Amino acid sequence: MRAYDSPYLADWFVISLRWVALLGLVISLALGGALLTPSNLLLAGLVVWNIALAVLAVLNRRLQYHRQVSLAVDILLTAIFFWLQGGPAGPAFWAPVIPLFSASLYFDLRGALITALILALLETGLTVLPPGRQALLLPAVVISAGTLLLGVGLGVISQGATRGLRQAREETLEQQRRKQRVDNERLHAIYNLTSTLTGTLNYQRVLDSVLD
């Protein structure tokens, strides 16, 4: 685990969106009458995971391969949750949106596309492999297609936003560098003037230095 001097905005965005998604899952399960089922204990695991990441963000600390680990855990937990709560027939079939948030914010369009493809395969596979769920193949395909489209959309949005933030940061850094150069030139001029004043009694040279 490593400590950093400044927070990572992407981490805070991911944590915030994960809270929103978790709240949506709770509401979906409550409306579907499935909030208190034992399988939804995994939802508590997602809450604990997000709390742990929030604590790390507050402390400006990150795990080794933080983004990859965060995304892998999101994919694993949401895939299991998707399967336990009934797949496409469950009230929280849209749970895989959580890793899509992480992938798009951490890895832009390419990461979102790869993650969406993995999730689409998991959604279809976890639906048709268990016995008795073959009738849900069509809904699973529809949900998988929606996952792919959502991954593309989130990736494009995230990539555009990241490019804009990066450009704004570069402009801010360039302004700071220009200001630093001006300050350095002023300090250099003051140093030369001081050196001239202390090193000569020739008033003409002193006046020329002041004018410079």
N, C-alpha and C. Protein backbone atom coordinates (compact mmCIF):
# COMPACT_ATOMS: atom_id res chain seq x y z
N MET A 1 0.85 -1.19 0.00
CA MET A 1 0.00 0.00 0.00
C MET A 1 0.88 1.24 0.00
N ARG A 2 0.52 2.21 -0.78
CA ARG A 2 1.32 3.42 -0.92
C ARG A 2 0.52 4.65 -0.52
N ALA A 3 1.24 5.66 0.00
CA ALA A 3 0.62 6.93 0.36
C ALA A 3 0.96 7.97 -0.69
N TYR A 4 0.04 8.89 -0.93
CA TYR A 4 0.21 9.93 -1.93
C TYR A 4 -0.08 11.29 -1.32
N ASP A 5 0.51 12.32 -1.91
CA ASP A 5 0.36 13.68 -1.37
C ASP A 5 -0.99 14.29 -1.70
N SER A 6 -1.61 13.86 -2.77
CA SER A 6 -2.87 14.46 -3.20
C SER A 6 -3.86 13.36 -3.56
N PRO A 7 -5.16 13.63 -3.39
CA PRO A 7 -6.17 12.61 -3.70
C PRO A 7 -6.34 12.43 -5.20
N TYR A 8 -6.87 11.29 -5.58
CA TYR A 8 -7.17 11.00 -6.98
C TYR A 8 -8.66 11.21 -7.20
N LEU A 9 -8.99 12.14 -8.11
CA LEU A 9 -10.39 12.45 -8.36
C LEU A 9 -11.15 11.23 -8.89
N ALA A 10 -10.48 10.42 -9.72
CA ALA A 10 -11.14 9.25 -10.27
C ALA A 10 -11.61 8.31 -9.17
N ASP A 11 -10.81 8.15 -8.11
CA ASP A 11 -11.20 7.29 -7.00
C ASP A 11 -12.47 7.81 -6.33
N TRP A 12 -12.54 9.13 -6.13
CA TRP A 12 -13.72 9.70 -5.49
C TRP A 12 -14.95 9.58 -6.38
N PHE A 13 -14.77 9.76 -7.67
CA PHE A 13 -15.90 9.59 -8.58
C PHE A 13 -16.42 8.16 -8.55
N VAL A 14 -15.50 7.20 -8.58
CA VAL A 14 -15.90 5.78 -8.56
C VAL A 14 -16.62 5.45 -7.26
N ILE A 15 -16.07 5.91 -6.14
CA ILE A 15 -16.69 5.64 -4.84
C ILE A 15 -18.09 6.25 -4.77
N SER A 16 -18.22 7.49 -5.25
CA SER A 16 -19.53 8.17 -5.20
C SER A 16 -20.55 7.46 -6.07
N LEU A 17 -20.16 7.09 -7.30
CA LEU A 17 -21.10 6.40 -8.18
C LEU A 17 -21.45 5.02 -7.65
N ARG A 18 -20.49 4.38 -6.98
CA ARG A 18 -20.79 3.07 -6.39
C ARG A 18 -21.84 3.22 -5.29
N TRP A 19 -21.76 4.29 -4.49
CA TRP A 19 -22.78 4.51 -3.47
C TRP A 19 -24.15 4.71 -4.10
N VAL A 20 -24.20 5.47 -5.18
CA VAL A 20 -25.47 5.70 -5.87
C VAL A 20 -26.04 4.37 -6.37
N ALA A 21 -25.17 3.55 -6.97
CA ALA A 21 -25.62 2.25 -7.49
C ALA A 21 -26.09 1.34 -6.36
N LEU A 22 -25.37 1.34 -5.24
CA LEU A 22 -25.77 0.49 -4.11
C LEU A 22 -27.12 0.93 -3.56
N LEU A 23 -27.34 2.23 -3.48
CA LEU A 23 -28.64 2.72 -3.04
C LEU A 23 -29.74 2.28 -4.00
N GLY A 24 -29.45 2.34 -5.30
CA GLY A 24 -30.41 1.87 -6.29
C GLY A 24 -30.70 0.39 -6.16
N LEU A 25 -29.66 -0.40 -5.85
CA LEU A 25 -29.87 -1.84 -5.66
C LEU A 25 -30.78 -2.11 -4.47
N VAL A 26 -30.55 -1.39 -3.38
CA VAL A 26 -31.39 -1.57 -2.18
C VAL A 26 -32.84 -1.24 -2.51
N ILE A 27 -33.05 -0.15 -3.23
CA ILE A 27 -34.42 0.24 -3.60
C ILE A 27 -35.05 -0.81 -4.51
N SER A 28 -34.29 -1.30 -5.49
CA SER A 28 -34.82 -2.31 -6.42
C SER A 28 -35.20 -3.59 -5.68
N LEU A 29 -34.33 -4.02 -4.77
CA LEU A 29 -34.62 -5.24 -4.01
C LEU A 29 -35.81 -5.04 -3.09
N ALA A 30 -35.92 -3.86 -2.49
CA ALA A 30 -37.06 -3.60 -1.61
C ALA A 30 -38.37 -3.59 -2.38
N LEU A 31 -38.36 -2.97 -3.55
CA LEU A 31 -39.57 -2.94 -4.36
C LEU A 31 -39.95 -4.33 -4.86
N GLY A 32 -38.92 -5.16 -5.08
CA GLY A 32 -39.18 -6.53 -5.55
C GLY A 32 -39.46 -7.51 -4.42
N GLY A 33 -39.47 -7.03 -3.17
CA GLY A 33 -39.74 -7.90 -2.03
C GLY A 33 -38.64 -8.89 -1.75
N ALA A 34 -37.41 -8.59 -2.19
CA ALA A 34 -36.31 -9.55 -2.03
C ALA A 34 -35.15 -8.96 -1.23
N LEU A 35 -35.42 -7.92 -0.45
CA LEU A 35 -34.33 -7.25 0.25
C LEU A 35 -33.76 -8.09 1.38
N LEU A 36 -34.58 -8.87 2.06
CA LEU A 36 -34.14 -9.59 3.26
C LEU A 36 -33.78 -11.04 2.99
N THR A 37 -33.57 -11.42 1.76
CA THR A 37 -33.17 -12.79 1.45
C THR A 37 -31.70 -13.00 1.80
N PRO A 38 -31.32 -14.22 2.22
CA PRO A 38 -29.93 -14.47 2.62
C PRO A 38 -28.91 -14.17 1.52
N SER A 39 -29.30 -14.37 0.26
CA SER A 39 -28.34 -14.15 -0.83
C SER A 39 -27.92 -12.70 -0.95
N ASN A 40 -28.73 -11.80 -0.39
CA ASN A 40 -28.41 -10.38 -0.50
C ASN A 40 -27.40 -9.94 0.55
N LEU A 41 -26.89 -10.89 1.35
CA LEU A 41 -25.79 -10.55 2.25
C LEU A 41 -24.57 -10.09 1.45
N LEU A 42 -24.50 -10.53 0.20
CA LEU A 42 -23.38 -10.10 -0.63
C LEU A 42 -23.43 -8.58 -0.85
N LEU A 43 -24.63 -8.02 -0.79
CA LEU A 43 -24.76 -6.58 -0.91
C LEU A 43 -24.03 -5.87 0.22
N ALA A 44 -24.06 -6.47 1.41
CA ALA A 44 -23.31 -5.92 2.53
C ALA A 44 -21.81 -5.97 2.25
N GLY A 45 -21.38 -7.02 1.54
CA GLY A 45 -19.98 -7.09 1.16
C GLY A 45 -19.58 -5.94 0.24
N LEU A 46 -20.46 -5.58 -0.69
CA LEU A 46 -20.19 -4.44 -1.56
C LEU A 46 -20.12 -3.14 -0.78
N VAL A 47 -20.99 -3.01 0.23
CA VAL A 47 -20.97 -1.82 1.07
C VAL A 47 -19.64 -1.72 1.84
N VAL A 48 -19.24 -2.84 2.45
CA VAL A 48 -17.98 -2.86 3.20
C VAL A 48 -16.80 -2.55 2.28
N TRP A 49 -16.82 -3.10 1.09
CA TRP A 49 -15.75 -2.86 0.12
C TRP A 49 -15.67 -1.38 -0.23
N ASN A 50 -16.81 -0.74 -0.43
CA ASN A 50 -16.79 0.68 -0.78
C ASN A 50 -16.35 1.54 0.40
N ILE A 51 -16.73 1.14 1.61
CA ILE A 51 -16.27 1.86 2.80
C ILE A 51 -14.75 1.78 2.91
N ALA A 52 -14.19 0.59 2.67
CA ALA A 52 -12.73 0.43 2.73
C ALA A 52 -12.04 1.31 1.70
N LEU A 53 -12.57 1.38 0.48
CA LEU A 53 -11.98 2.24 -0.54
C LEU A 53 -12.11 3.71 -0.18
N ALA A 54 -13.23 4.08 0.44
CA ALA A 54 -13.41 5.47 0.86
C ALA A 54 -12.40 5.85 1.94
N VAL A 55 -12.14 4.94 2.86
CA VAL A 55 -11.15 5.20 3.91
C VAL A 55 -9.77 5.39 3.30
N LEU A 56 -9.41 4.54 2.34
CA LEU A 56 -8.13 4.69 1.67
C LEU A 56 -8.04 6.03 0.94
N ALA A 57 -9.15 6.44 0.32
CA ALA A 57 -9.15 7.72 -0.39
C ALA A 57 -8.97 8.89 0.57
N VAL A 58 -9.62 8.82 1.73
CA VAL A 58 -9.47 9.88 2.73
C VAL A 58 -8.03 9.98 3.20
N LEU A 59 -7.38 8.84 3.37
CA LEU A 59 -5.99 8.80 3.83
C LEU A 59 -4.99 9.01 2.70
N ASN A 60 -5.49 9.22 1.48
CA ASN A 60 -4.62 9.37 0.30
C ASN A 60 -3.70 8.16 0.14
N ARG A 61 -4.27 6.98 0.33
CA ARG A 61 -3.51 5.74 0.16
C ARG A 61 -4.17 4.91 -0.93
N ARG A 62 -3.35 4.09 -1.57
CA ARG A 62 -3.87 3.23 -2.63
C ARG A 62 -3.21 1.87 -2.54
N LEU A 63 -3.95 0.85 -2.91
CA LEU A 63 -3.40 -0.49 -2.99
C LEU A 63 -2.44 -0.59 -4.17
N GLN A 64 -1.58 -1.59 -4.14
CA GLN A 64 -0.78 -1.87 -5.32
C GLN A 64 -1.70 -2.35 -6.44
N TYR A 65 -1.51 -1.76 -7.63
CA TYR A 65 -2.43 -2.02 -8.74
C TYR A 65 -3.86 -1.70 -8.31
N HIS A 66 -4.03 -0.54 -7.71
CA HIS A 66 -5.29 -0.17 -7.09
C HIS A 66 -6.46 -0.25 -8.06
N ARG A 67 -6.30 0.33 -9.25
CA ARG A 67 -7.40 0.36 -10.20
C ARG A 67 -7.77 -1.03 -10.68
N GLN A 68 -6.77 -1.84 -10.98
CA GLN A 68 -7.05 -3.19 -11.45
C GLN A 68 -7.73 -4.03 -10.37
N VAL A 69 -7.24 -3.91 -9.12
CA VAL A 69 -7.84 -4.67 -8.03
C VAL A 69 -9.27 -4.22 -7.79
N SER A 70 -9.50 -2.90 -7.78
CA SER A 70 -10.84 -2.37 -7.56
C SER A 70 -11.81 -2.87 -8.62
N LEU A 71 -11.39 -2.82 -9.87
CA LEU A 71 -12.27 -3.27 -10.96
C LEU A 71 -12.53 -4.77 -10.87
N ALA A 72 -11.48 -5.57 -10.57
CA ALA A 72 -11.64 -7.02 -10.49
C ALA A 72 -12.62 -7.41 -9.37
N VAL A 73 -12.52 -6.75 -8.23
CA VAL A 73 -13.44 -7.04 -7.12
C VAL A 73 -14.86 -6.65 -7.49
N ASP A 74 -15.02 -5.52 -8.16
CA ASP A 74 -16.36 -5.09 -8.59
C ASP A 74 -16.98 -6.12 -9.54
N ILE A 75 -16.19 -6.60 -10.50
CA ILE A 75 -16.71 -7.58 -11.45
C ILE A 75 -17.10 -8.87 -10.73
N LEU A 76 -16.22 -9.35 -9.85
CA LEU A 76 -16.47 -10.61 -9.15
C LEU A 76 -17.73 -10.52 -8.27
N LEU A 77 -17.80 -9.50 -7.44
CA LEU A 77 -18.92 -9.40 -6.50
C LEU A 77 -20.25 -9.17 -7.21
N THR A 78 -20.25 -8.31 -8.22
CA THR A 78 -21.51 -8.04 -8.92
C THR A 78 -21.96 -9.23 -9.76
N ALA A 79 -21.00 -9.99 -10.32
CA ALA A 79 -21.38 -11.19 -11.08
C ALA A 79 -22.03 -12.23 -10.17
N ILE A 80 -21.44 -12.43 -8.98
CA ILE A 80 -22.03 -13.37 -8.03
C ILE A 80 -23.40 -12.88 -7.58
N PHE A 81 -23.50 -11.58 -7.31
CA PHE A 81 -24.77 -11.00 -6.89
C PHE A 81 -25.83 -11.14 -7.97
N PHE A 82 -25.43 -10.89 -9.22
CA PHE A 82 -26.34 -11.04 -10.36
C PHE A 82 -26.90 -12.46 -10.42
N TRP A 83 -26.04 -13.45 -10.19
CA TRP A 83 -26.46 -14.84 -10.25
C TRP A 83 -27.36 -15.22 -9.07
N LEU A 84 -26.99 -14.78 -7.86
CA LEU A 84 -27.73 -15.16 -6.66
C LEU A 84 -29.12 -14.55 -6.62
N GLN A 85 -29.27 -13.33 -7.16
CA GLN A 85 -30.58 -12.69 -7.05
C GLN A 85 -31.51 -13.01 -8.22
N GLY A 86 -31.11 -13.98 -9.05
CA GLY A 86 -32.02 -14.48 -10.08
C GLY A 86 -31.69 -14.13 -11.50
N GLY A 87 -30.52 -13.55 -11.73
CA GLY A 87 -30.13 -13.22 -13.10
C GLY A 87 -31.08 -12.21 -13.74
N PRO A 88 -31.43 -12.41 -14.99
CA PRO A 88 -32.31 -11.46 -15.68
C PRO A 88 -33.70 -11.36 -15.04
N ALA A 89 -34.11 -12.40 -14.32
CA ALA A 89 -35.43 -12.39 -13.70
C ALA A 89 -35.44 -11.69 -12.36
N GLY A 90 -34.28 -11.33 -11.83
CA GLY A 90 -34.20 -10.71 -10.52
C GLY A 90 -34.48 -9.21 -10.57
N PRO A 91 -34.82 -8.64 -9.43
CA PRO A 91 -35.13 -7.21 -9.40
C PRO A 91 -33.90 -6.31 -9.55
N ALA A 92 -32.72 -6.87 -9.36
CA ALA A 92 -31.48 -6.08 -9.45
C ALA A 92 -30.60 -6.61 -10.57
N PHE A 93 -31.21 -6.91 -11.71
CA PHE A 93 -30.46 -7.46 -12.84
C PHE A 93 -29.42 -6.48 -13.39
N TRP A 94 -29.58 -5.20 -13.05
CA TRP A 94 -28.68 -4.18 -13.60
C TRP A 94 -27.45 -3.96 -12.73
N ALA A 95 -27.22 -4.83 -11.74
CA ALA A 95 -26.08 -4.67 -10.83
C ALA A 95 -24.73 -4.53 -11.53
N PRO A 96 -24.50 -5.20 -12.68
CA PRO A 96 -23.19 -5.06 -13.34
C PRO A 96 -22.84 -3.65 -13.80
N VAL A 97 -23.75 -2.69 -13.60
CA VAL A 97 -23.40 -1.32 -13.95
C VAL A 97 -22.28 -0.81 -13.06
N ILE A 98 -22.13 -1.40 -11.87
CA ILE A 98 -21.09 -0.93 -10.93
C ILE A 98 -19.69 -1.06 -11.53
N PRO A 99 -19.27 -2.25 -12.01
CA PRO A 99 -17.95 -2.32 -12.63
C PRO A 99 -17.82 -1.48 -13.90
N LEU A 100 -18.93 -1.22 -14.58
CA LEU A 100 -18.85 -0.36 -15.76
C LEU A 100 -18.47 1.07 -15.36
N PHE A 101 -18.99 1.55 -14.23
CA PHE A 101 -18.58 2.85 -13.72
C PHE A 101 -17.07 2.87 -13.46
N SER A 102 -16.60 1.84 -12.75
CA SER A 102 -15.17 1.76 -12.41
C SER A 102 -14.31 1.71 -13.66
N ALA A 103 -14.69 0.86 -14.61
CA ALA A 103 -13.88 0.68 -15.81
C ALA A 103 -13.81 1.95 -16.65
N SER A 104 -14.95 2.61 -16.82
CA SER A 104 -14.96 3.81 -17.67
C SER A 104 -14.17 4.94 -17.05
N LEU A 105 -14.25 5.10 -15.73
CA LEU A 105 -13.53 6.19 -15.08
C LEU A 105 -12.04 5.89 -14.92
N TYR A 106 -11.70 4.64 -14.74
CA TYR A 106 -10.30 4.27 -14.56
C TYR A 106 -9.56 4.05 -15.87
N PHE A 107 -10.23 3.46 -16.87
CA PHE A 107 -9.53 3.04 -18.08
C PHE A 107 -10.17 3.56 -19.37
N ASP A 108 -11.05 4.54 -19.27
CA ASP A 108 -11.66 5.19 -20.42
C ASP A 108 -12.40 4.19 -21.32
N LEU A 109 -12.44 4.49 -22.62
CA LEU A 109 -13.27 3.71 -23.54
C LEU A 109 -12.80 2.27 -23.68
N ARG A 110 -11.50 2.06 -23.82
CA ARG A 110 -11.01 0.69 -24.00
C ARG A 110 -11.34 -0.18 -22.80
N GLY A 111 -11.10 0.33 -21.60
CA GLY A 111 -11.39 -0.44 -20.40
C GLY A 111 -12.87 -0.73 -20.26
N ALA A 112 -13.70 0.27 -20.61
CA ALA A 112 -15.15 0.07 -20.52
C ALA A 112 -15.63 -0.99 -21.50
N LEU A 113 -15.06 -0.99 -22.70
CA LEU A 113 -15.45 -1.98 -23.70
C LEU A 113 -15.07 -3.40 -23.27
N ILE A 114 -13.84 -3.56 -22.79
CA ILE A 114 -13.39 -4.88 -22.35
C ILE A 114 -14.23 -5.37 -21.18
N THR A 115 -14.47 -4.48 -20.23
CA THR A 115 -15.28 -4.86 -19.06
C THR A 115 -16.71 -5.19 -19.47
N ALA A 116 -17.28 -4.40 -20.37
CA ALA A 116 -18.65 -4.67 -20.83
C ALA A 116 -18.73 -6.02 -21.52
N LEU A 117 -17.72 -6.38 -22.29
CA LEU A 117 -17.71 -7.68 -22.95
C LEU A 117 -17.63 -8.81 -21.93
N ILE A 118 -16.76 -8.65 -20.93
CA ILE A 118 -16.65 -9.67 -19.88
C ILE A 118 -17.98 -9.83 -19.14
N LEU A 119 -18.60 -8.71 -18.81
CA LEU A 119 -19.87 -8.75 -18.09
C LEU A 119 -20.97 -9.37 -18.94
N ALA A 120 -21.00 -9.05 -20.23
CA ALA A 120 -22.01 -9.61 -21.12
C ALA A 120 -21.89 -11.14 -21.19
N LEU A 121 -20.66 -11.63 -21.27
CA LEU A 121 -20.44 -13.07 -21.29
C LEU A 121 -20.86 -13.71 -19.97
N LEU A 122 -20.53 -13.04 -18.85
CA LEU A 122 -20.92 -13.57 -17.55
C LEU A 122 -22.43 -13.58 -17.39
N GLU A 123 -23.09 -12.51 -17.82
CA GLU A 123 -24.54 -12.44 -17.69
C GLU A 123 -25.22 -13.56 -18.47
N THR A 124 -24.74 -13.81 -19.67
CA THR A 124 -25.33 -14.88 -20.48
C THR A 124 -25.00 -16.25 -19.91
N GLY A 125 -23.73 -16.44 -19.55
CA GLY A 125 -23.30 -17.73 -19.03
C GLY A 125 -23.96 -18.08 -17.71
N LEU A 126 -24.03 -17.12 -16.79
CA LEU A 126 -24.64 -17.39 -15.48
C LEU A 126 -26.15 -17.60 -15.58
N THR A 127 -26.73 -17.20 -16.71
CA THR A 127 -28.17 -17.40 -16.90
C THR A 127 -28.48 -18.77 -17.47
N VAL A 128 -27.72 -19.20 -18.47
CA VAL A 128 -28.07 -20.44 -19.18
C VAL A 128 -27.43 -21.68 -18.57
N LEU A 129 -26.35 -21.53 -17.79
CA LEU A 129 -25.68 -22.71 -17.25
C LEU A 129 -26.47 -23.39 -16.14
N PRO A 130 -27.05 -22.66 -15.18
CA PRO A 130 -27.81 -23.36 -14.14
C PRO A 130 -29.05 -24.04 -14.74
N PRO A 131 -29.40 -25.22 -14.24
CA PRO A 131 -30.58 -25.92 -14.77
C PRO A 131 -31.86 -25.13 -14.53
N GLY A 132 -32.74 -25.17 -15.50
CA GLY A 132 -34.04 -24.54 -15.36
C GLY A 132 -34.10 -23.08 -15.74
N ARG A 133 -33.00 -22.53 -16.19
CA ARG A 133 -33.01 -21.11 -16.53
C ARG A 133 -32.86 -20.87 -18.04
N GLN A 134 -32.92 -21.92 -18.82
CA GLN A 134 -32.73 -21.76 -20.26
C GLN A 134 -33.79 -20.86 -20.88
N ALA A 135 -34.96 -20.80 -20.26
CA ALA A 135 -36.02 -19.93 -20.79
C ALA A 135 -35.68 -18.46 -20.67
N LEU A 136 -34.67 -18.17 -19.85
CA LEU A 136 -34.26 -16.77 -19.65
C LEU A 136 -33.15 -16.35 -20.61
N LEU A 137 -32.86 -17.18 -21.60
CA LEU A 137 -31.77 -16.87 -22.52
C LEU A 137 -32.02 -15.56 -23.27
N LEU A 138 -33.22 -15.39 -23.78
CA LEU A 138 -33.52 -14.17 -24.54
C LEU A 138 -33.38 -12.91 -23.67
N PRO A 139 -33.97 -12.88 -22.45
CA PRO A 139 -33.73 -11.71 -21.60
C PRO A 139 -32.26 -11.49 -21.28
N ALA A 140 -31.51 -12.60 -21.12
CA ALA A 140 -30.09 -12.47 -20.84
C ALA A 140 -29.35 -11.84 -22.02
N VAL A 141 -29.71 -12.24 -23.22
CA VAL A 141 -29.08 -11.66 -24.41
C VAL A 141 -29.41 -10.17 -24.51
N VAL A 142 -30.66 -9.81 -24.22
CA VAL A 142 -31.06 -8.40 -24.27
C VAL A 142 -30.28 -7.60 -23.23
N ILE A 143 -30.17 -8.14 -22.02
CA ILE A 143 -29.43 -7.44 -20.97
C ILE A 143 -27.95 -7.34 -21.34
N SER A 144 -27.40 -8.39 -21.92
CA SER A 144 -26.00 -8.36 -22.34
C SER A 144 -25.76 -7.30 -23.40
N ALA A 145 -26.69 -7.20 -24.36
CA ALA A 145 -26.57 -6.16 -25.38
C ALA A 145 -26.65 -4.77 -24.75
N GLY A 146 -27.55 -4.62 -23.77
CA GLY A 146 -27.64 -3.35 -23.07
C GLY A 146 -26.37 -3.03 -22.31
N THR A 147 -25.75 -4.05 -21.75
CA THR A 147 -24.48 -3.85 -21.04
C THR A 147 -23.39 -3.35 -22.00
N LEU A 148 -23.33 -3.94 -23.18
CA LEU A 148 -22.34 -3.51 -24.17
C LEU A 148 -22.58 -2.06 -24.60
N LEU A 149 -23.83 -1.71 -24.86
CA LEU A 149 -24.14 -0.34 -25.26
C LEU A 149 -23.83 0.65 -24.14
N LEU A 150 -24.18 0.27 -22.91
CA LEU A 150 -23.90 1.14 -21.79
C LEU A 150 -22.40 1.32 -21.59
N GLY A 151 -21.64 0.23 -21.79
CA GLY A 151 -20.19 0.33 -21.68
C GLY A 151 -19.61 1.30 -22.69
N VAL A 152 -20.11 1.24 -23.93
CA VAL A 152 -19.65 2.17 -24.97
C VAL A 152 -19.99 3.61 -24.58
N GLY A 153 -21.24 3.83 -24.14
CA GLY A 153 -21.66 5.17 -23.78
C GLY A 153 -20.86 5.75 -22.63
N LEU A 154 -20.70 4.96 -21.56
CA LEU A 154 -19.93 5.44 -20.42
C LEU A 154 -18.47 5.66 -20.78
N GLY A 155 -17.91 4.78 -21.63
CA GLY A 155 -16.52 4.94 -22.05
C GLY A 155 -16.30 6.22 -22.84
N VAL A 156 -17.22 6.51 -23.76
CA VAL A 156 -17.10 7.73 -24.57
C VAL A 156 -17.21 8.97 -23.68
N ILE A 157 -18.19 8.96 -22.78
CA ILE A 157 -18.36 10.11 -21.88
C ILE A 157 -17.13 10.31 -21.00
N SER A 158 -16.65 9.21 -20.43
CA SER A 158 -15.49 9.30 -19.54
C SER A 158 -14.24 9.75 -20.29
N GLN A 159 -14.07 9.25 -21.51
CA GLN A 159 -12.89 9.63 -22.28
C GLN A 159 -12.91 11.12 -22.62
N GLY A 160 -14.09 11.63 -23.00
CA GLY A 160 -14.20 13.06 -23.28
C GLY A 160 -13.95 13.90 -22.05
N ALA A 161 -14.52 13.48 -20.91
CA ALA A 161 -14.33 14.24 -19.68
C ALA A 161 -12.87 14.19 -19.23
N THR A 162 -12.25 13.02 -19.35
CA THR A 162 -10.85 12.90 -18.96
C THR A 162 -9.95 13.76 -19.83
N ARG A 163 -10.23 13.79 -21.14
CA ARG A 163 -9.45 14.63 -22.04
C ARG A 163 -9.58 16.11 -21.67
N GLY A 164 -10.82 16.53 -21.35
CA GLY A 164 -11.03 17.92 -20.96
C GLY A 164 -10.32 18.27 -19.66
N LEU A 165 -10.40 17.37 -18.67
CA LEU A 165 -9.72 17.62 -17.40
C LEU A 165 -8.21 17.64 -17.58
N ARG A 166 -7.69 16.74 -18.43
CA ARG A 166 -6.25 16.71 -18.67
C ARG A 166 -5.78 17.99 -19.35
N GLN A 167 -6.57 18.47 -20.31
CA GLN A 167 -6.20 19.71 -21.00
C GLN A 167 -6.24 20.90 -20.04
N ALA A 168 -7.28 20.95 -19.19
CA ALA A 168 -7.36 22.04 -18.21
C ALA A 168 -6.19 22.00 -17.24
N ARG A 169 -5.80 20.80 -16.85
CA ARG A 169 -4.66 20.66 -15.94
C ARG A 169 -3.37 21.12 -16.60
N GLU A 170 -3.19 20.76 -17.87
CA GLU A 170 -1.98 21.19 -18.58
C GLU A 170 -1.94 22.70 -18.71
N GLU A 171 -3.08 23.33 -18.98
CA GLU A 171 -3.12 24.79 -19.08
C GLU A 171 -2.79 25.43 -17.74
N THR A 172 -3.31 24.86 -16.65
CA THR A 172 -3.01 25.39 -15.33
C THR A 172 -1.53 25.26 -15.00
N LEU A 173 -0.95 24.11 -15.33
CA LEU A 173 0.48 23.90 -15.08
C LEU A 173 1.34 24.85 -15.91
N GLU A 174 0.93 25.10 -17.15
CA GLU A 174 1.67 26.02 -18.00
C GLU A 174 1.62 27.43 -17.45
N GLN A 175 0.47 27.86 -16.95
CA GLN A 175 0.35 29.17 -16.32
C GLN A 175 1.25 29.27 -15.09
N GLN A 176 1.29 28.20 -14.31
CA GLN A 176 2.16 28.20 -13.13
C GLN A 176 3.63 28.26 -13.54
N ARG A 177 3.99 27.56 -14.61
CA ARG A 177 5.38 27.60 -15.07
C ARG A 177 5.75 29.00 -15.57
N ARG A 178 4.81 29.64 -16.30
CA ARG A 178 5.09 31.01 -16.77
C ARG A 178 5.27 31.97 -15.60
N LYS A 179 4.40 31.84 -14.61
CA LYS A 179 4.50 32.69 -13.42
C LYS A 179 5.82 32.45 -12.70
N GLN A 180 6.22 31.18 -12.62
CA GLN A 180 7.48 30.85 -11.96
C GLN A 180 8.67 31.45 -12.70
N ARG A 181 8.61 31.43 -14.04
CA ARG A 181 9.70 32.01 -14.81
C ARG A 181 9.79 33.52 -14.58
N VAL A 182 8.62 34.19 -14.55
CA VAL A 182 8.62 35.64 -14.29
C VAL A 182 9.18 35.93 -12.91
N ASP A 183 8.77 35.17 -11.92
CA ASP A 183 9.28 35.38 -10.56
C ASP A 183 10.78 35.15 -10.50
N ASN A 184 11.25 34.13 -11.20
CA ASN A 184 12.70 33.87 -11.21
C ASN A 184 13.47 35.01 -11.86
N GLU A 185 12.92 35.55 -12.94
CA GLU A 185 13.58 36.68 -13.61
C GLU A 185 13.62 37.89 -12.69
N ARG A 186 12.56 38.13 -11.94
CA ARG A 186 12.55 39.26 -11.01
C ARG A 186 13.57 39.07 -9.90
N LEU A 187 13.61 37.87 -9.36
CA LEU A 187 14.60 37.59 -8.31
C LEU A 187 16.02 37.74 -8.84
N HIS A 188 16.24 37.30 -10.08
CA HIS A 188 17.57 37.43 -10.68
C HIS A 188 17.93 38.89 -10.86
N ALA A 189 16.96 39.71 -11.27
CA ALA A 189 17.22 41.14 -11.45
C ALA A 189 17.53 41.81 -10.13
N ILE A 190 16.76 41.45 -9.09
CA ILE A 190 17.02 42.03 -7.77
C ILE A 190 18.40 41.62 -7.25
N TYR A 191 18.76 40.36 -7.51
CA TYR A 191 20.08 39.89 -7.08
C TYR A 191 21.19 40.66 -7.79
N ASN A 192 21.03 40.87 -9.11
CA ASN A 192 22.05 41.62 -9.85
C ASN A 192 22.16 43.06 -9.35
N LEU A 193 21.00 43.67 -9.06
CA LEU A 193 21.00 45.03 -8.57
C LEU A 193 21.69 45.12 -7.21
N THR A 194 21.37 44.16 -6.35
CA THR A 194 22.00 44.14 -5.02
C THR A 194 23.51 43.95 -5.13
N SER A 195 23.90 43.05 -6.04
CA SER A 195 25.33 42.81 -6.22
C SER A 195 26.03 44.06 -6.72
N THR A 196 25.38 44.79 -7.62
CA THR A 196 25.98 46.02 -8.15
C THR A 196 26.09 47.09 -7.07
N LEU A 197 25.04 47.21 -6.28
CA LEU A 197 25.05 48.23 -5.22
C LEU A 197 26.13 47.97 -4.19
N THR A 198 26.33 46.69 -3.87
CA THR A 198 27.32 46.35 -2.84
C THR A 198 28.73 46.22 -3.39
N GLY A 199 28.84 46.10 -4.70
CA GLY A 199 30.16 45.84 -5.26
C GLY A 199 30.81 47.01 -5.97
N THR A 200 30.13 48.13 -6.07
CA THR A 200 30.72 49.28 -6.78
C THR A 200 30.23 50.58 -6.16
N LEU A 201 31.03 51.61 -6.31
CA LEU A 201 30.64 52.96 -5.88
C LEU A 201 30.39 53.85 -7.08
N ASN A 202 30.36 53.25 -8.26
CA ASN A 202 30.14 54.01 -9.50
C ASN A 202 28.65 54.25 -9.66
N TYR A 203 28.23 55.51 -9.45
CA TYR A 203 26.80 55.82 -9.48
C TYR A 203 26.20 55.56 -10.85
N GLN A 204 27.02 55.73 -11.92
CA GLN A 204 26.49 55.51 -13.25
C GLN A 204 26.10 54.04 -13.46
N ARG A 205 26.92 53.13 -13.00
CA ARG A 205 26.62 51.70 -13.11
C ARG A 205 25.39 51.33 -12.29
N VAL A 206 25.28 51.95 -11.09
CA VAL A 206 24.11 51.69 -10.25
C VAL A 206 22.84 52.15 -10.94
N LEU A 207 22.87 53.36 -11.57
CA LEU A 207 21.69 53.86 -12.26
C LEU A 207 21.33 52.99 -13.47
N ASP A 208 22.36 52.54 -14.20
CA ASP A 208 22.10 51.65 -15.33
C ASP A 208 21.45 50.34 -14.88
N SER A 209 21.88 49.81 -13.76
CA SER A 209 21.30 48.56 -13.24
C SER A 209 19.86 48.77 -12.82
N VAL A 210 19.61 49.92 -12.18
CA VAL A 210 18.22 50.20 -11.78
C VAL A 210 17.32 50.30 -12.99
N LEU A 211 17.81 51.01 -14.05
CA LEU A 211 17.01 51.12 -15.27
C LEU A 211 16.77 49.76 -15.91
N ASP A 212 17.79 48.94 -15.92
CA ASP A 212 17.61 47.57 -16.46
C ASP A 212 16.56 46.81 -15.66
